[in-house]
PDB file of N, CA and C in Angstrom:
ATOM      1  N   UNK A   1     108.883  99.753  90.190  1.00  0.00           N
ATOM      2  CA  UNK A   1     107.956 100.856  90.296  1.00  0.00           C
ATOM      3  C   UNK A   1     107.906 101.639  88.977  1.00  0.00           C
ATOM      4  N   UNK A   2     109.067 101.902  88.406  1.00  0.00           N
ATOM      5  CA  UNK A   2     109.094 102.666  87.155  1.00  0.00           C
ATOM      6  C   UNK A   2     108.336 101.931  86.054  1.00  0.00           C
ATOM      7  N   UNK A   3     108.506 100.619  85.981  1.00  0.00           N
ATOM      8  CA  UNK A   3     107.799  99.835  84.962  1.00  0.00           C
ATOM      9  C   UNK A   3     106.283  99.910  85.163  1.00  0.00           C
ATOM     10  N   UNK A   4     105.842  99.829  86.395  1.00  0.00           N
ATOM     11  CA  UNK A   4     104.403  99.928  86.685  1.00  0.00           C
ATOM     12  C   UNK A   4     103.870 101.290  86.290  1.00  0.00           C
ATOM     13  N   UNK A   5     104.652 102.329  86.535  1.00  0.00           N
ATOM     14  CA  UNK A   5     104.217 103.680  86.177  1.00  0.00           C
ATOM     15  C   UNK A   5     104.109 103.836  84.656  1.00  0.00           C
ATOM     16  N   UNK A   6     105.019 103.215  83.924  1.00  0.00           N
ATOM     17  CA  UNK A   6     104.953 103.249  82.457  1.00  0.00           C
ATOM     18  C   UNK A   6     103.695 102.520  81.982  1.00  0.00           C
ATOM     19  N   UNK A   7     103.419 101.359  82.573  1.00  0.00           N
ATOM     20  CA  UNK A   7     102.205 100.619  82.216  1.00  0.00           C
ATOM     21  C   UNK A   7     100.955 101.438  82.528  1.00  0.00           C
ATOM     22  N   UNK A   8     100.955 102.126  83.653  1.00  0.00           N
ATOM     23  CA  UNK A   8      99.816 102.987  83.998  1.00  0.00           C
ATOM     24  C   UNK A   8      99.661 104.124  82.993  1.00  0.00           C
ATOM     25  N   UNK A   9     100.764 104.684  82.573  1.00  0.00           N
ATOM     26  CA  UNK A   9     100.705 105.774  81.586  1.00  0.00           C
ATOM     27  C   UNK A   9     100.106 105.283  80.270  1.00  0.00           C
ATOM     28  N   UNK A  10     100.509 104.098  79.833  1.00  0.00           N
ATOM     29  CA  UNK A  10      99.956 103.540  78.585  1.00  0.00           C
ATOM     30  C   UNK A  10      98.460 103.231  78.755  1.00  0.00           C
ATOM     31  N   UNK A  11      98.094 102.650  79.880  1.00  0.00           N
ATOM     32  CA  UNK A  11      96.682 102.342  80.125  1.00  0.00           C
ATOM     33  C   UNK A  11      95.858 103.616  80.201  1.00  0.00           C
ATOM     34  N   UNK A  12      96.424 104.656  80.800  1.00  0.00           N
ATOM     35  CA  UNK A  12      95.719 105.931  80.870  1.00  0.00           C
ATOM     36  C   UNK A  12      95.578 106.556  79.480  1.00  0.00           C
ATOM     37  N   UNK A  13      96.576 106.387  78.635  1.00  0.00           N
ATOM     38  CA  UNK A  13      96.474 106.862  77.247  1.00  0.00           C
ATOM     39  C   UNK A  13      95.309 106.175  76.534  1.00  0.00           C
ATOM     40  N   UNK A  14      95.163 104.868  76.746  1.00  0.00           N
ATOM     41  CA  UNK A  14      94.042 104.140  76.150  1.00  0.00           C
ATOM     42  C   UNK A  14      92.714 104.682  76.684  1.00  0.00           C
ATOM     43  N   UNK A  15      92.674 104.967  77.965  1.00  0.00           N
ATOM     44  CA  UNK A  15      91.459 105.508  78.557  1.00  0.00           C
ATOM     45  C   UNK A  15      91.117 106.869  77.956  1.00  0.00           C
ATOM     46  N   UNK A  16      92.120 107.676  77.683  1.00  0.00           N
ATOM     47  CA  UNK A  16      91.886 108.982  77.059  1.00  0.00           C
ATOM     48  C   UNK A  16      91.318 108.822  75.644  1.00  0.00           C
ATOM     49  N   UNK A  17      91.833 107.841  74.899  1.00  0.00           N
ATOM     50  CA  UNK A  17      91.286 107.560  73.562  1.00  0.00           C
ATOM     51  C   UNK A  17      89.814 107.149  73.648  1.00  0.00           C
ATOM     52  N   UNK A  18      89.509 106.337  74.635  1.00  0.00           N
ATOM     53  CA  UNK A  18      88.132 105.887  74.843  1.00  0.00           C
ATOM     54  C   UNK A  18      87.243 107.074  75.198  1.00  0.00           C
ATOM     55  N   UNK A  19      87.713 107.943  76.075  1.00  0.00           N
ATOM     56  CA  UNK A  19      86.942 109.129  76.449  1.00  0.00           C
ATOM     57  C   UNK A  19      86.662 109.996  75.226  1.00  0.00           C
ATOM     58  N   UNK A  20      87.667 110.161  74.378  1.00  0.00           N
ATOM     59  CA  UNK A  20      87.506 110.959  73.159  1.00  0.00           C
ATOM     60  C   UNK A  20      86.539 110.305  72.173  1.00  0.00           C
ATOM     61  N   UNK A  21      86.305 109.014  72.329  1.00  0.00           N
ATOM     62  CA  UNK A  21      85.378 108.268  71.466  1.00  0.00           C
ATOM     63  C   UNK A  21      84.026 108.055  72.151  1.00  0.00           C
ATOM     64  N   UNK A  22      83.681 108.977  73.048  1.00  0.00           N
ATOM     65  CA  UNK A  22      82.389 108.928  73.756  1.00  0.00           C
ATOM     66  C   UNK A  22      82.228 107.636  74.551  1.00  0.00           C
ATOM     67  N   UNK A  23      83.298 107.180  75.159  1.00  0.00           N
ATOM     68  CA  UNK A  23      83.296 106.010  76.036  1.00  0.00           C
ATOM     69  C   UNK A  23      82.944 104.725  75.306  1.00  0.00           C
ATOM     70  N   UNK A  24      83.399 104.674  74.056  1.00  0.00           N
ATOM     71  CA  UNK A  24      83.281 103.464  73.241  1.00  0.00           C
ATOM     72  C   UNK A  24      84.672 103.101  72.743  1.00  0.00           C
ATOM     73  N   UNK A  25      84.835 101.871  72.282  1.00  0.00           N
ATOM     74  CA  UNK A  25      86.118 101.456  71.719  1.00  0.00           C
ATOM     75  C   UNK A  25      86.416 102.333  70.504  1.00  0.00           C
ATOM     76  N   UNK A  26      87.575 102.986  70.477  1.00  0.00           N
ATOM     77  CA  UNK A  26      87.901 103.864  69.347  1.00  0.00           C
ATOM     78  C   UNK A  26      88.052 103.078  68.044  1.00  0.00           C
ATOM     79  N   UNK A  27      87.482 103.597  66.983  1.00  0.00           N
ATOM     80  CA  UNK A  27      87.589 102.908  65.693  1.00  0.00           C
ATOM     81  C   UNK A  27      89.022 102.950  65.160  1.00  0.00           C
ATOM     82  N   UNK A  28      89.768 103.962  65.541  1.00  0.00           N
ATOM     83  CA  UNK A  28      91.151 104.093  65.071  1.00  0.00           C
ATOM     84  C   UNK A  28      92.131 103.263  65.887  1.00  0.00           C
ATOM     85  N   UNK A  29      91.689 102.766  67.032  1.00  0.00           N
ATOM     86  CA  UNK A  29      92.553 101.989  67.915  1.00  0.00           C
ATOM     87  C   UNK A  29      91.676 100.970  68.638  1.00  0.00           C
ATOM     88  N   UNK A  30      91.349  99.852  67.977  1.00  0.00           N
ATOM     89  CA  UNK A  30      90.354  98.918  68.505  1.00  0.00           C
ATOM     90  C   UNK A  30      90.784  98.090  69.716  1.00  0.00           C
ATOM     91  N   UNK A  31      92.020  98.190  70.150  1.00  0.00           N
ATOM     92  CA  UNK A  31      92.459  97.374  71.278  1.00  0.00           C
ATOM     93  C   UNK A  31      91.747  97.688  72.597  1.00  0.00           C
ATOM     94  N   UNK A  32      91.682  98.937  72.988  1.00  0.00           N
ATOM     95  CA  UNK A  32      91.124  99.186  74.320  1.00  0.00           C
ATOM     96  C   UNK A  32      89.594  99.152  74.356  1.00  0.00           C
ATOM     97  N   UNK A  33      89.043  98.164  75.016  1.00  0.00           N
ATOM     98  CA  UNK A  33      87.605  98.098  75.284  1.00  0.00           C
ATOM     99  C   UNK A  33      87.400  98.880  76.575  1.00  0.00           C
ATOM    100  N   UNK A  34      86.380  99.723  76.660  1.00  0.00           N
ATOM    101  CA  UNK A  34      86.254 100.653  77.791  1.00  0.00           C
ATOM    102  C   UNK A  34      86.362 100.036  79.186  1.00  0.00           C
ATOM    103  N   UNK A  35      85.533  99.080  79.519  1.00  0.00           N
ATOM    104  CA  UNK A  35      85.577  98.513  80.871  1.00  0.00           C
ATOM    105  C   UNK A  35      86.888  97.777  81.120  1.00  0.00           C
ATOM    106  N   UNK A  36      87.424  97.147  80.084  1.00  0.00           N
ATOM    107  CA  UNK A  36      88.685  96.425  80.245  1.00  0.00           C
ATOM    108  C   UNK A  36      89.838  97.391  80.503  1.00  0.00           C
ATOM    109  N   UNK A  37      89.824  98.534  79.855  1.00  0.00           N
ATOM    110  CA  UNK A  37      90.868  99.539  80.086  1.00  0.00           C
ATOM    111  C   UNK A  37      90.833 100.005  81.544  1.00  0.00           C
ATOM    112  N   UNK A  38      89.639 100.221  82.079  1.00  0.00           N
ATOM    113  CA  UNK A  38      89.510 100.622  83.478  1.00  0.00           C
ATOM    114  C   UNK A  38      89.951  99.492  84.412  1.00  0.00           C
ATOM    115  N   UNK A  39      89.618  98.262  84.059  1.00  0.00           N
ATOM    116  CA  UNK A  39      90.039  97.096  84.839  1.00  0.00           C
ATOM    117  C   UNK A  39      91.561  97.017  84.902  1.00  0.00           C
ATOM    118  N   UNK A  40      92.226  97.202  83.781  1.00  0.00           N
ATOM    119  CA  UNK A  40      93.690  97.150  83.759  1.00  0.00           C
ATOM    120  C   UNK A  40      94.294  98.203  84.684  1.00  0.00           C
ATOM    121  N   UNK A  41      93.738  99.400  84.641  1.00  0.00           N
ATOM    122  CA  UNK A  41      94.242 100.463  85.507  1.00  0.00           C
ATOM    123  C   UNK A  41      94.009 100.099  86.972  1.00  0.00           C
ATOM    124  N   UNK A  42      92.822  99.621  87.279  1.00  0.00           N
ATOM    125  CA  UNK A  42      92.522  99.233  88.661  1.00  0.00           C
ATOM    126  C   UNK A  42      93.485  98.150  89.135  1.00  0.00           C
ATOM    127  N   UNK A  43      93.717  97.148  88.301  1.00  0.00           N
ATOM    128  CA  UNK A  43      94.617  96.053  88.684  1.00  0.00           C
ATOM    129  C   UNK A  43      96.057  96.535  88.862  1.00  0.00           C
ATOM    130  N   UNK A  44      96.488  97.439  88.006  1.00  0.00           N
ATOM    131  CA  UNK A  44      97.847  97.975  88.150  1.00  0.00           C
ATOM    132  C   UNK A  44      97.994  98.709  89.483  1.00  0.00           C
ATOM    133  N   UNK A  45      97.011  99.537  89.815  1.00  0.00           N
ATOM    134  CA  UNK A  45      97.072 100.238  91.104  1.00  0.00           C
ATOM    135  C   UNK A  45      96.984  99.252  92.265  1.00  0.00           C
ATOM    136  N   UNK A  46      96.113  98.268  92.174  1.00  0.00           N
ATOM    137  CA  UNK A  46      95.961  97.286  93.252  1.00  0.00           C
ATOM    138  C   UNK A  46      97.272  96.575  93.509  1.00  0.00           C
ATOM    139  N   UNK A  47      97.924  96.106  92.456  1.00  0.00           N
ATOM    140  CA  UNK A  47      99.184  95.378  92.618  1.00  0.00           C
ATOM    141  C   UNK A  47     100.297  96.295  93.107  1.00  0.00           C
ATOM    142  N   UNK A  48     100.328  97.509  92.627  1.00  0.00           N
ATOM    143  CA  UNK A  48     101.341  98.457  93.067  1.00  0.00           C
ATOM    144  C   UNK A  48     101.191  98.752  94.558  1.00  0.00           C
ATOM    145  N   UNK A  49      99.960  98.883  95.006  1.00  0.00           N
ATOM    146  CA  UNK A  49      99.713  99.155  96.425  1.00  0.00           C
ATOM    147  C   UNK A  49     100.124  98.000  97.328  1.00  0.00           C
ATOM    148  N   UNK A  50     100.281  96.818  96.785  1.00  0.00           N
ATOM    149  CA  UNK A  50     100.695  95.649  97.574  1.00  0.00           C
ATOM    150  C   UNK A  50     102.203  95.545  97.751  1.00  0.00           C
ATOM    151  N   UNK A  51     102.963  96.366  97.058  1.00  0.00           N
ATOM    152  CA  UNK A  51     104.409  96.232  97.099  1.00  0.00           C
ATOM    153  C   UNK A  51     105.011  96.861  98.351  1.00  0.00           C
ATOM    154  N   UNK A  52     106.136  96.317  98.773  1.00  0.00           N
ATOM    155  CA  UNK A  52     106.867  96.879  99.907  1.00  0.00           C
ATOM    156  C   UNK A  52     107.378  98.277  99.576  1.00  0.00           C
ATOM    157  N   UNK A  53     107.723  98.477  98.314  1.00  0.00           N
ATOM    158  CA  UNK A  53     108.243  99.781  97.897  1.00  0.00           C
ATOM    159  C   UNK A  53     107.207 100.879  98.127  1.00  0.00           C
ATOM    160  N   UNK A  54     105.954 100.599  97.794  1.00  0.00           N
ATOM    161  CA  UNK A  54     104.898 101.588  98.012  1.00  0.00           C
ATOM    162  C   UNK A  54     104.601 101.725  99.507  1.00  0.00           C
ATOM    163  N   UNK A  55     104.626 100.618 100.226  1.00  0.00           N
ATOM    164  CA  UNK A  55     104.368 100.667 101.672  1.00  0.00           C
ATOM    165  C   UNK A  55     105.367 101.574 102.386  1.00  0.00           C
ATOM    166  N   UNK A  56     106.562 101.694 101.847  1.00  0.00           N
ATOM    167  CA  UNK A  56     107.595 102.526 102.459  1.00  0.00           C
ATOM    168  C   UNK A  56     107.482 104.001 102.061  1.00  0.00           C
ATOM    169  N   UNK A  57     106.590 104.316 101.180  1.00  0.00           N
ATOM    170  CA  UNK A  57     106.425 105.698 100.699  1.00  0.00           C
ATOM    171  C   UNK A  57     105.620 106.539 101.691  1.00  0.00           C
ATOM    172  N   UNK A  58     105.682 107.853 101.537  1.00  0.00           N
ATOM    173  CA  UNK A  58     104.913 108.747 102.411  1.00  0.00           C
ATOM    174  C   UNK A  58     103.400 108.546 102.256  1.00  0.00           C
ATOM    175  N   UNK A  59     102.665 108.989 103.259  1.00  0.00           N
ATOM    176  CA  UNK A  59     101.211 108.821 103.286  1.00  0.00           C
ATOM    177  C   UNK A  59     100.523 109.414 102.056  1.00  0.00           C
ATOM    178  N   UNK A  60     100.942 110.621 101.652  1.00  0.00           N
ATOM    179  CA  UNK A  60     100.260 111.251 100.515  1.00  0.00           C
ATOM    180  C   UNK A  60     100.482 110.459  99.232  1.00  0.00           C
ATOM    181  N   UNK A  61     101.661 109.902  99.058  1.00  0.00           N
ATOM    182  CA  UNK A  61     101.963 109.084  97.886  1.00  0.00           C
ATOM    183  C   UNK A  61     100.994 107.901  97.817  1.00  0.00           C
ATOM    184  N   UNK A  62     100.877 107.195  98.937  1.00  0.00           N
ATOM    185  CA  UNK A  62      99.987 106.027  98.988  1.00  0.00           C
ATOM    186  C   UNK A  62      98.528 106.447  98.834  1.00  0.00           C
ATOM    187  N   UNK A  63      98.166 107.592  99.378  1.00  0.00           N
ATOM    188  CA  UNK A  63      96.781 108.074  99.272  1.00  0.00           C
ATOM    189  C   UNK A  63      96.412 108.374  97.824  1.00  0.00           C
ATOM    190  N   UNK A  64      97.337 108.974  97.068  1.00  0.00           N
ATOM    191  CA  UNK A  64      97.053 109.238  95.652  1.00  0.00           C
ATOM    192  C   UNK A  64      96.858 107.934  94.886  1.00  0.00           C
ATOM    193  N   UNK A  65      97.690 106.943  95.182  1.00  0.00           N
ATOM    194  CA  UNK A  65      97.535 105.653  94.510  1.00  0.00           C
ATOM    195  C   UNK A  65      96.207 104.996  94.878  1.00  0.00           C
ATOM    196  N   UNK A  66      95.862 105.021  96.151  1.00  0.00           N
ATOM    197  CA  UNK A  66      94.613 104.399  96.595  1.00  0.00           C
ATOM    198  C   UNK A  66      93.405 105.125  96.017  1.00  0.00           C
ATOM    199  N   UNK A  67      93.443 106.449  95.972  1.00  0.00           N
ATOM    200  CA  UNK A  67      92.324 107.197  95.406  1.00  0.00           C
ATOM    201  C   UNK A  67      92.173 106.896  93.918  1.00  0.00           C
ATOM    202  N   UNK A  68      93.282 106.758  93.218  1.00  0.00           N
ATOM    203  CA  UNK A  68      93.223 106.417  91.791  1.00  0.00           C
ATOM    204  C   UNK A  68      92.687 105.005  91.599  1.00  0.00           C
ATOM    205  N   UNK A  69      93.085 104.087  92.472  1.00  0.00           N
ATOM    206  CA  UNK A  69      92.560 102.718  92.403  1.00  0.00           C
ATOM    207  C   UNK A  69      91.053 102.719  92.608  1.00  0.00           C
ATOM    208  N   UNK A  70      90.584 103.485  93.582  1.00  0.00           N
ATOM    209  CA  UNK A  70      89.145 103.561  93.855  1.00  0.00           C
ATOM    210  C   UNK A  70      88.396 104.193  92.683  1.00  0.00           C
ATOM    211  N   UNK A  71      88.958 105.231  92.088  1.00  0.00           N
ATOM    212  CA  UNK A  71      88.327 105.873  90.933  1.00  0.00           C
ATOM    213  C   UNK A  71      88.266 104.904  89.754  1.00  0.00           C
ATOM    214  N   UNK A  72      89.339 104.155  89.538  1.00  0.00           N
ATOM    215  CA  UNK A  72      89.355 103.177  88.439  1.00  0.00           C
ATOM    216  C   UNK A  72      88.325 102.078  88.687  1.00  0.00           C
ATOM    217  N   UNK A  73      88.184 101.667  89.940  1.00  0.00           N
ATOM    218  CA  UNK A  73      87.190 100.642  90.273  1.00  0.00           C
ATOM    219  C   UNK A  73      85.770 101.158  90.003  1.00  0.00           C
ATOM    220  N   UNK A  74      85.509 102.391  90.391  1.00  0.00           N
ATOM    221  CA  UNK A  74      84.195 102.984  90.136  1.00  0.00           C
ATOM    222  C   UNK A  74      83.951 103.149  88.634  1.00  0.00           C
ATOM    223  N   UNK A  75      84.975 103.560  87.909  1.00  0.00           N
ATOM    224  CA  UNK A  75      84.870 103.705  86.461  1.00  0.00           C
ATOM    225  C   UNK A  75      84.601 102.358  85.804  1.00  0.00           C
ATOM    226  N   UNK A  76      85.344 101.352  86.211  1.00  0.00           N
ATOM    227  CA  UNK A  76      85.141 100.005  85.661  1.00  0.00           C
ATOM    228  C   UNK A  76      83.710  99.534  85.902  1.00  0.00           C
ATOM    229  N   UNK A  77      83.229  99.708  87.114  1.00  0.00           N
ATOM    230  CA  UNK A  77      81.871  99.292  87.452  1.00  0.00           C
ATOM    231  C   UNK A  77      80.839 100.040  86.602  1.00  0.00           C
ATOM    232  N   UNK A  78      81.011 101.333  86.493  1.00  0.00           N
ATOM    233  CA  UNK A  78      80.088 102.130  85.693  1.00  0.00           C
ATOM    234  C   UNK A  78      80.082 101.727  84.229  1.00  0.00           C
ATOM    235  N   UNK A  79      81.258 101.475  83.682  1.00  0.00           N
ATOM    236  CA  UNK A  79      81.343 101.067  82.278  1.00  0.00           C
ATOM    237  C   UNK A  79      80.766  99.673  82.067  1.00  0.00           C
ATOM    238  N   UNK A  80      80.988  98.780  83.031  1.00  0.00           N
ATOM    239  CA  UNK A  80      80.410  97.436  82.929  1.00  0.00           C
ATOM    240  C   UNK A  80      78.887  97.461  83.022  1.00  0.00           C
ATOM    241  N   UNK A  81      78.358  98.373  83.801  1.00  0.00           N
ATOM    242  CA  UNK A  81      76.912  98.440  84.039  1.00  0.00           C
ATOM    243  C   UNK A  81      76.200  99.433  83.140  1.00  0.00           C
ATOM    244  N   UNK A  82      76.930 100.095  82.285  1.00  0.00           N
ATOM    245  CA  UNK A  82      76.309 101.090  81.409  1.00  0.00           C
ATOM    246  C   UNK A  82      75.250 100.424  80.550  1.00  0.00           C
ATOM    247  N   UNK A  83      74.081 100.981  80.566  1.00  0.00           N
ATOM    248  CA  UNK A  83      72.979 100.412  79.810  1.00  0.00           C
ATOM    249  C   UNK A  83      72.194  99.383  80.593  1.00  0.00           C
ATOM    250  N   UNK A  84      72.774  98.869  81.675  1.00  0.00           N
ATOM    251  CA  UNK A  84      72.083  97.890  82.515  1.00  0.00           C
ATOM    252  C   UNK A  84      71.254  98.606  83.564  1.00  0.00           C
ATOM    253  N   UNK A  85      71.806  99.689  84.099  1.00  0.00           N
ATOM    254  CA  UNK A  85      71.091 100.469  85.097  1.00  0.00           C
ATOM    255  C   UNK A  85      70.740 101.821  84.505  1.00  0.00           C
ATOM    256  N   UNK A  86      69.775 102.423  85.074  1.00  0.00           N
ATOM    257  CA  UNK A  86      69.365 103.756  84.616  1.00  0.00           C
ATOM    258  C   UNK A  86      69.852 104.821  85.577  1.00  0.00           C
ATOM    259  N   UNK A  87      70.836 104.488  86.390  1.00  0.00           N
ATOM    260  CA  UNK A  87      71.340 105.440  87.374  1.00  0.00           C
ATOM    261  C   UNK A  87      71.941 106.652  86.683  1.00  0.00           C
ATOM    262  N   UNK A  88      71.646 107.813  87.245  1.00  0.00           N
ATOM    263  CA  UNK A  88      72.152 109.054  86.663  1.00  0.00           C
ATOM    264  C   UNK A  88      73.672 109.105  86.681  1.00  0.00           C
ATOM    265  N   UNK A  89      74.289 108.369  87.605  1.00  0.00           N
ATOM    266  CA  UNK A  89      75.735 108.396  87.708  1.00  0.00           C
ATOM    267  C   UNK A  89      76.450 107.628  86.610  1.00  0.00           C
ATOM    268  N   UNK A  90      75.740 106.757  85.899  1.00  0.00           N
ATOM    269  CA  UNK A  90      76.360 105.976  84.832  1.00  0.00           C
ATOM    270  C   UNK A  90      76.353 106.781  83.545  1.00  0.00           C
ATOM    271  N   UNK A  91      77.099 107.867  83.561  1.00  0.00           N
ATOM    272  CA  UNK A  91      77.068 108.769  82.423  1.00  0.00           C
ATOM    273  C   UNK A  91      78.474 109.157  82.002  1.00  0.00           C
ATOM    274  N   UNK A  92      78.600 109.615  80.778  1.00  0.00           N
ATOM    275  CA  UNK A  92      79.908 110.078  80.317  1.00  0.00           C
ATOM    276  C   UNK A  92      80.499 111.172  81.210  1.00  0.00           C
ATOM    277  N   UNK A  93      79.655 112.009  81.799  1.00  0.00           N
ATOM    278  CA  UNK A  93      80.170 113.063  82.680  1.00  0.00           C
ATOM    279  C   UNK A  93      80.844 112.459  83.909  1.00  0.00           C
ATOM    280  N   UNK A  94      80.230 111.428  84.492  1.00  0.00           N
ATOM    281  CA  UNK A  94      80.838 110.760  85.643  1.00  0.00           C
ATOM    282  C   UNK A  94      82.118 110.055  85.222  1.00  0.00           C
ATOM    283  N   UNK A  95      82.099 109.386  84.084  1.00  0.00           N
ATOM    284  CA  UNK A  95      83.290 108.684  83.604  1.00  0.00           C
ATOM    285  C   UNK A  95      84.448 109.666  83.425  1.00  0.00           C
ATOM    286  N   UNK A  96      84.151 110.821  82.855  1.00  0.00           N
ATOM    287  CA  UNK A  96      85.186 111.842  82.663  1.00  0.00           C
ATOM    288  C   UNK A  96      85.690 112.368  84.002  1.00  0.00           C
ATOM    289  N   UNK A  97      84.783 112.559  84.955  1.00  0.00           N
ATOM    290  CA  UNK A  97      85.179 113.031  86.278  1.00  0.00           C
ATOM    291  C   UNK A  97      86.132 112.038  86.940  1.00  0.00           C
ATOM    292  N   UNK A  98      85.827 110.761  86.836  1.00  0.00           N
ATOM    293  CA  UNK A  98      86.683 109.729  87.434  1.00  0.00           C
ATOM    294  C   UNK A  98      88.040 109.677  86.745  1.00  0.00           C
ATOM    295  N   UNK A  99      88.047 109.763  85.433  1.00  0.00           N
ATOM    296  CA  UNK A  99      89.296 109.760  84.675  1.00  0.00           C
ATOM    297  C   UNK A  99      90.135 110.983  85.032  1.00  0.00           C
ATOM    298  N   UNK A 100      89.482 112.130  85.151  1.00  0.00           N
ATOM    299  CA  UNK A 100      90.196 113.352  85.529  1.00  0.00           C
ATOM    300  C   UNK A 100      90.774 113.239  86.937  1.00  0.00           C
ATOM    301  N   UNK A 101      90.074 112.553  87.835  1.00  0.00           N
ATOM    302  CA  UNK A 101      90.569 112.335  89.201  1.00  0.00           C
ATOM    303  C   UNK A 101      91.849 111.507  89.176  1.00  0.00           C
ATOM    304  N   UNK A 102      91.864 110.461  88.363  1.00  0.00           N
ATOM    305  CA  UNK A 102      93.067 109.628  88.235  1.00  0.00           C
ATOM    306  C   UNK A 102      94.226 110.463  87.694  1.00  0.00           C
ATOM    307  N   UNK A 103      93.953 111.227  86.644  1.00  0.00           N
ATOM    308  CA  UNK A 103      94.990 112.059  86.033  1.00  0.00           C
ATOM    309  C   UNK A 103      95.499 113.116  87.007  1.00  0.00           C
ATOM    310  N   UNK A 104      94.597 113.720  87.771  1.00  0.00           N
ATOM    311  CA  UNK A 104      95.007 114.740  88.745  1.00  0.00           C
ATOM    312  C   UNK A 104      95.891 114.139  89.836  1.00  0.00           C
ATOM    313  N   UNK A 105      95.566 112.919  90.269  1.00  0.00           N
ATOM    314  CA  UNK A 105      96.407 112.254  91.265  1.00  0.00           C
ATOM    315  C   UNK A 105      97.799 111.993  90.708  1.00  0.00           C
ATOM    316  N   UNK A 106      97.867 111.542  89.471  1.00  0.00           N
ATOM    317  CA  UNK A 106      99.169 111.308  88.833  1.00  0.00           C
ATOM    318  C   UNK A 106      99.979 112.602  88.792  1.00  0.00           C
ATOM    319  N   UNK A 107      99.344 113.674  88.347  1.00  0.00           N
ATOM    320  CA  UNK A 107     100.044 114.953  88.231  1.00  0.00           C
ATOM    321  C   UNK A 107     100.522 115.455  89.587  1.00  0.00           C
ATOM    322  N   UNK A 108      99.678 115.354  90.598  1.00  0.00           N
ATOM    323  CA  UNK A 108     100.063 115.820  91.934  1.00  0.00           C
ATOM    324  C   UNK A 108     101.268 115.043  92.457  1.00  0.00           C
ATOM    325  N   UNK A 109     101.235 113.735  92.267  1.00  0.00           N
ATOM    326  CA  UNK A 109     102.332 112.885  92.719  1.00  0.00           C
ATOM    327  C   UNK A 109     103.608 113.197  91.935  1.00  0.00           C
ATOM    328  N   UNK A 110     103.480 113.370  90.638  1.00  0.00           N
ATOM    329  CA  UNK A 110     104.646 113.670  89.808  1.00  0.00           C
ATOM    330  C   UNK A 110     105.280 114.990  90.218  1.00  0.00           C
ATOM    331  N   UNK A 111     104.457 116.004  90.456  1.00  0.00           N
ATOM    332  CA  UNK A 111     104.981 117.312  90.846  1.00  0.00           C
ATOM    333  C   UNK A 111     105.793 117.191  92.132  1.00  0.00           C
ATOM    334  N   UNK A 112     105.253 116.441  93.083  1.00  0.00           N
ATOM    335  CA  UNK A 112     105.931 116.350  94.373  1.00  0.00           C
ATOM    336  C   UNK A 112     107.099 115.363  94.383  1.00  0.00           C
ATOM    337  N   UNK A 113     106.949 114.218  93.726  1.00  0.00           N
ATOM    338  CA  UNK A 113     107.944 113.165  93.872  1.00  0.00           C
ATOM    339  C   UNK A 113     108.785 112.870  92.641  1.00  0.00           C
ATOM    340  N   UNK A 114     108.288 113.145  91.475  1.00  0.00           N
ATOM    341  CA  UNK A 114     109.077 112.839  90.287  1.00  0.00           C
ATOM    342  C   UNK A 114     109.778 114.078  89.758  1.00  0.00           C
ATOM    343  N   UNK A 115     109.075 115.198  89.741  1.00  0.00           N
ATOM    344  CA  UNK A 115     109.589 116.399  89.099  1.00  0.00           C
ATOM    345  C   UNK A 115     110.434 117.283  90.016  1.00  0.00           C
ATOM    346  N   UNK A 116     110.387 117.040  91.322  1.00  0.00           N
ATOM    347  CA  UNK A 116     111.125 117.850  92.287  1.00  0.00           C
ATOM    348  C   UNK A 116     112.422 117.126  92.656  1.00  0.00           C
ATOM    349  N   UNK A 117     113.561 117.615  92.178  1.00  0.00           N
ATOM    350  CA  UNK A 117     114.814 116.928  92.444  1.00  0.00           C
ATOM    351  C   UNK A 117     115.172 116.855  93.940  1.00  0.00           C
ATOM    352  N   UNK A 118     114.606 117.737  94.748  1.00  0.00           N
ATOM    353  CA  UNK A 118     114.893 117.683  96.183  1.00  0.00           C
ATOM    354  C   UNK A 118     114.191 116.506  96.858  1.00  0.00           C
ATOM    355  N   UNK A 119     113.239 115.889  96.161  1.00  0.00           N
ATOM    356  CA  UNK A 119     112.525 114.742  96.690  1.00  0.00           C
ATOM    357  C   UNK A 119     113.034 113.437  96.081  1.00  0.00           C
ATOM    358  N   UNK A 120     114.215 113.460  95.489  1.00  0.00           N
ATOM    359  CA  UNK A 120     114.709 112.317  94.719  1.00  0.00           C
ATOM    360  C   UNK A 120     114.788 111.031  95.532  1.00  0.00           C
ATOM    361  N   UNK A 121     114.982 111.107  96.824  1.00  0.00           N
ATOM    362  CA  UNK A 121     115.036 109.874  97.599  1.00  0.00           C
ATOM    363  C   UNK A 121     113.671 109.233  97.742  1.00  0.00           C
ATOM    364  N   UNK A 122     112.626 110.016  97.484  1.00  0.00           N
ATOM    365  CA  UNK A 122     111.259 109.497  97.567  1.00  0.00           C
ATOM    366  C   UNK A 122     110.641 109.310  96.195  1.00  0.00           C
ATOM    367  N   UNK A 123     111.380 109.590  95.147  1.00  0.00           N
ATOM    368  CA  UNK A 123     110.802 109.570  93.801  1.00  0.00           C
ATOM    369  C   UNK A 123     110.424 108.177  93.371  1.00  0.00           C
ATOM    370  N   UNK A 124     109.222 108.054  92.762  1.00  0.00           N
ATOM    371  CA  UNK A 124     108.813 106.751  92.230  1.00  0.00           C
ATOM    372  C   UNK A 124     109.602 106.377  90.998  1.00  0.00           C
TER     373      UNK A 124
END
């Protein structure tokens, strides 16, 4: 679980770089392609949700992971379809909203399960 969380943190860092580059591959860090970065995050959440360790966690823990997976899936779809559709939702504002949702879920989970020593038996 800890390794998956580290991978998610790195993938989220790449997503933040992309957001700062107006949802394009950053010139200073050419590795993260926007839709691929979202795909990696979605896949990490999907695989994490399949583990027995996550299945044994409290409902809110699993809900934050599932909501982040859904947000990453929507972000990936929007980035893949950007320029293909003229939908108002395929915009940098929506992409930022989805990214902020993922980050907020991480923070909420960390506050309750990682940062609170009284919850150490439930800590990811």
